[in-house]
C-alpha atoms as a PDB file:
ATOM      1  CA  UNK A   1      58.879 -38.709 -25.171  1.00  0.00           C
ATOM      2  CA  UNK A   2      55.615 -39.311 -27.077  1.00  0.00           C
ATOM      3  CA  UNK A   3      55.060 -39.893 -30.600  1.00  0.00           C
ATOM      4  CA  UNK A   4      53.704 -36.976 -32.346  1.00  0.00           C
ATOM      5  CA  UNK A   5      50.280 -37.756 -33.382  1.00  0.00           C
ATOM      6  CA  UNK A   6      50.471 -36.361 -36.603  1.00  0.00           C
ATOM      7  CA  UNK A   7      53.725 -36.838 -38.138  1.00  0.00           C
ATOM      8  CA  UNK A   8      55.901 -34.495 -40.520  1.00  0.00           C
ATOM      9  CA  UNK A   9      55.537 -34.505 -43.889  1.00  0.00           C
ATOM     10  CA  UNK A  10      58.223 -33.796 -46.637  1.00  0.00           C
ATOM     11  CA  UNK A  11      58.487 -33.084 -50.244  1.00  0.00           C
ATOM     12  CA  UNK A  12      61.518 -32.985 -52.273  1.00  0.00           C
ATOM     13  CA  UNK A  13      62.576 -30.632 -55.385  1.00  0.00           C
ATOM     14  CA  UNK A  14      65.991 -30.729 -56.741  1.00  0.00           C
ATOM     15  CA  UNK A  15      66.100 -27.927 -59.559  1.00  0.00           C
ATOM     16  CA  UNK A  16      68.821 -25.572 -61.089  1.00  0.00           C
ATOM     17  CA  UNK A  17      71.411 -27.106 -58.956  1.00  0.00           C
ATOM     18  CA  UNK A  18      69.586 -26.651 -55.701  1.00  0.00           C
ATOM     19  CA  UNK A  19      68.095 -29.342 -53.288  1.00  0.00           C
ATOM     20  CA  UNK A  20      65.074 -28.476 -51.180  1.00  0.00           C
ATOM     21  CA  UNK A  21      63.414 -30.579 -48.868  1.00  0.00           C
ATOM     22  CA  UNK A  22      59.885 -28.894 -47.214  1.00  0.00           C
ATOM     23  CA  UNK A  23      59.121 -30.675 -44.004  1.00  0.00           C
ATOM     24  CA  UNK A  24      55.265 -29.632 -42.670  1.00  0.00           C
ATOM     25  CA  UNK A  25      55.096 -29.943 -39.218  1.00  0.00           C
ATOM     26  CA  UNK A  26      51.260 -29.772 -38.217  1.00  0.00           C
ATOM     27  CA  UNK A  27      51.518 -29.557 -34.277  1.00  0.00           C
ATOM     28  CA  UNK A  28      53.139 -27.484 -32.490  1.00  0.00           C
ATOM     29  CA  UNK A  29      56.081 -29.214 -29.672  1.00  0.00           C
ATOM     30  CA  UNK A  30      57.035 -31.576 -31.992  1.00  0.00           C
ATOM     31  CA  UNK A  31      60.504 -32.259 -32.456  1.00  0.00           C
ATOM     32  CA  UNK A  32      62.468 -32.986 -35.177  1.00  0.00           C
ATOM     33  CA  UNK A  33      65.389 -34.817 -34.163  1.00  0.00           C
ATOM     34  CA  UNK A  34      68.960 -33.813 -34.189  1.00  0.00           C
ATOM     35  CA  UNK A  35      71.235 -34.472 -37.546  1.00  0.00           C
ATOM     36  CA  UNK A  36      74.175 -33.255 -38.809  1.00  0.00           C
ATOM     37  CA  UNK A  37      75.457 -32.727 -42.614  1.00  0.00           C
ATOM     38  CA  UNK A  38      78.739 -32.925 -43.924  1.00  0.00           C
ATOM     39  CA  UNK A  39      78.330 -29.783 -45.370  1.00  0.00           C
ATOM     40  CA  UNK A  40      77.129 -25.898 -44.579  1.00  0.00           C
ATOM     41  CA  UNK A  41      73.330 -25.353 -45.546  1.00  0.00           C
ATOM     42  CA  UNK A  42      70.428 -23.134 -44.627  1.00  0.00           C
ATOM     43  CA  UNK A  43      67.201 -24.029 -42.840  1.00  0.00           C
ATOM     44  CA  UNK A  44      64.230 -21.686 -44.270  1.00  0.00           C
ATOM     45  CA  UNK A  45      61.367 -21.007 -41.848  1.00  0.00           C
ATOM     46  CA  UNK A  46      58.326 -20.650 -44.200  1.00  0.00           C
ATOM     47  CA  UNK A  47      55.903 -20.641 -41.684  1.00  0.00           C
ATOM     48  CA  UNK A  48      55.413 -20.688 -38.148  1.00  0.00           C
ATOM     49  CA  UNK A  49      57.611 -20.492 -35.495  1.00  0.00           C
ATOM     50  CA  UNK A  50      60.439 -22.979 -34.357  1.00  0.00           C
ATOM     51  CA  UNK A  51      63.256 -23.100 -31.613  1.00  0.00           C
ATOM     52  CA  UNK A  52      66.734 -24.179 -32.874  1.00  0.00           C
ATOM     53  CA  UNK A  53      69.550 -25.953 -31.041  1.00  0.00           C
ATOM     54  CA  UNK A  54      73.169 -26.406 -32.439  1.00  0.00           C
ATOM     55  CA  UNK A  55      75.374 -29.046 -30.768  1.00  0.00           C
ATOM     56  CA  UNK A  56      72.663 -28.516 -27.740  1.00  0.00           C
ATOM     57  CA  UNK A  57      73.138 -25.077 -27.235  1.00  0.00           C
ATOM     58  CA  UNK A  58      69.977 -23.463 -27.883  1.00  0.00           C
ATOM     59  CA  UNK A  59      70.617 -20.866 -30.937  1.00  0.00           C
ATOM     60  CA  UNK A  60      67.169 -18.904 -30.272  1.00  0.00           C
ATOM     61  CA  UNK A  61      63.196 -18.976 -32.027  1.00  0.00           C
ATOM     62  CA  UNK A  62      62.713 -18.157 -35.302  1.00  0.00           C
ATOM     63  CA  UNK A  63      59.763 -16.800 -36.881  1.00  0.00           C
ATOM     64  CA  UNK A  64      58.486 -16.955 -40.287  1.00  0.00           C
ATOM     65  CA  UNK A  65      60.054 -15.559 -42.820  1.00  0.00           C
ATOM     66  CA  UNK A  66      63.220 -16.687 -41.350  1.00  0.00           C
ATOM     67  CA  UNK A  67      66.407 -18.218 -42.634  1.00  0.00           C
ATOM     68  CA  UNK A  68      68.785 -20.517 -40.210  1.00  0.00           C
ATOM     69  CA  UNK A  69      72.458 -20.811 -41.601  1.00  0.00           C
ATOM     70  CA  UNK A  70      73.487 -24.664 -40.226  1.00  0.00           C
ATOM     71  CA  UNK A  71      77.236 -25.005 -40.647  1.00  0.00           C
ATOM     72  CA  UNK A  72      79.081 -28.235 -41.635  1.00  0.00           C
ATOM     73  CA  UNK A  73      78.775 -31.367 -38.738  1.00  0.00           C
ATOM     74  CA  UNK A  74      76.759 -28.913 -36.500  1.00  0.00           C
ATOM     75  CA  UNK A  75      74.172 -31.133 -34.479  1.00  0.00           C
ATOM     76  CA  UNK A  76      70.818 -29.738 -35.255  1.00  0.00           C
ATOM     77  CA  UNK A  77      67.243 -29.968 -34.177  1.00  0.00           C
ATOM     78  CA  UNK A  78      64.029 -27.900 -34.238  1.00  0.00           C
ATOM     79  CA  UNK A  79      61.005 -27.628 -31.879  1.00  0.00           C
ATOM     80  CA  UNK A  80      58.002 -26.075 -33.467  1.00  0.00           C
ATOM     81  CA  UNK A  81      56.081 -23.659 -31.483  1.00  0.00           C
ATOM     82  CA  UNK A  82      52.981 -22.849 -33.630  1.00  0.00           C
ATOM     83  CA  UNK A  83      50.848 -25.604 -35.461  1.00  0.00           C
ATOM     84  CA  UNK A  84      51.271 -25.756 -39.363  1.00  0.00           C
ATOM     85  CA  UNK A  85      55.133 -24.918 -39.322  1.00  0.00           C
ATOM     86  CA  UNK A  86      57.081 -25.319 -42.793  1.00  0.00           C
ATOM     87  CA  UNK A  87      60.674 -25.623 -42.953  1.00  0.00           C
ATOM     88  CA  UNK A  88      63.073 -26.018 -45.886  1.00  0.00           C
ATOM     89  CA  UNK A  89      65.993 -27.690 -46.069  1.00  0.00           C
ATOM     90  CA  UNK A  90      68.289 -26.144 -48.748  1.00  0.00           C
ATOM     91  CA  UNK A  91      71.148 -27.416 -49.711  1.00  0.00           C
ATOM     92  CA  UNK A  92      73.924 -27.653 -52.905  1.00  0.00           C
ATOM     93  CA  UNK A  93      73.352 -30.270 -55.267  1.00  0.00           C
ATOM     94  CA  UNK A  94      77.141 -30.791 -55.753  1.00  0.00           C
ATOM     95  CA  UNK A  95      77.579 -31.929 -52.775  1.00  0.00           C
ATOM     96  CA  UNK A  96      75.085 -34.752 -52.658  1.00  0.00           C
ATOM     97  CA  UNK A  97      74.999 -38.440 -52.641  1.00  0.00           C
ATOM     98  CA  UNK A  98      74.635 -40.829 -55.673  1.00  0.00           C
ATOM     99  CA  UNK A  99      70.919 -41.031 -54.121  1.00  0.00           C
ATOM    100  CA  UNK A 100      70.755 -37.167 -54.615  1.00  0.00           C
ATOM    101  CA  UNK A 101      70.351 -36.745 -50.720  1.00  0.00           C
ATOM    102  CA  UNK A 102      72.827 -34.651 -48.843  1.00  0.00           C
ATOM    103  CA  UNK A 103      75.326 -36.397 -46.654  1.00  0.00           C
ATOM    104  CA  UNK A 104      74.592 -37.071 -43.060  1.00  0.00           C
ATOM    105  CA  UNK A 105      77.369 -36.855 -41.012  1.00  0.00           C
ATOM    106  CA  UNK A 106      75.773 -38.226 -37.586  1.00  0.00           C
ATOM    107  CA  UNK A 107      71.894 -38.607 -36.756  1.00  0.00           C
ATOM    108  CA  UNK A 108      70.154 -39.594 -33.891  1.00  0.00           C
ATOM    109  CA  UNK A 109      66.874 -41.205 -33.026  1.00  0.00           C
ATOM    110  CA  UNK A 110      64.198 -39.982 -30.384  1.00  0.00           C
ATOM    111  CA  UNK A 111      63.538 -42.343 -27.633  1.00  0.00           C
ATOM    112  CA  UNK A 112      59.786 -42.584 -28.046  1.00  0.00           C
ATOM    113  CA  UNK A 113      56.998 -44.227 -25.769  1.00  0.00           C
ATOM    114  CA  UNK A 114      54.493 -46.827 -26.639  1.00  0.00           C
END
């Protein structure tokens, strides 16, 4: 797989017991790799459209505004279907690691071509 020409960018906000990380993905066809968290959370598709898999099972296409329930321990990945997609990952900070990040149960890196 080729590296996306424009890498996703993120912005983090922790407020009122809520951890929210906004991902902006410039290009359609960008794959955000699989990972799993220790706790349930919600991914909000704020703009654009994405295709979502959980544990390598396609769960569907989601078009903004849409919320996706992500169960604990479920490997999940997103493929952007439009340019300028924004996804907000929303977690309960009561379950955060000492560094403020939600615990990752598993993560997978993409094998990228040069």
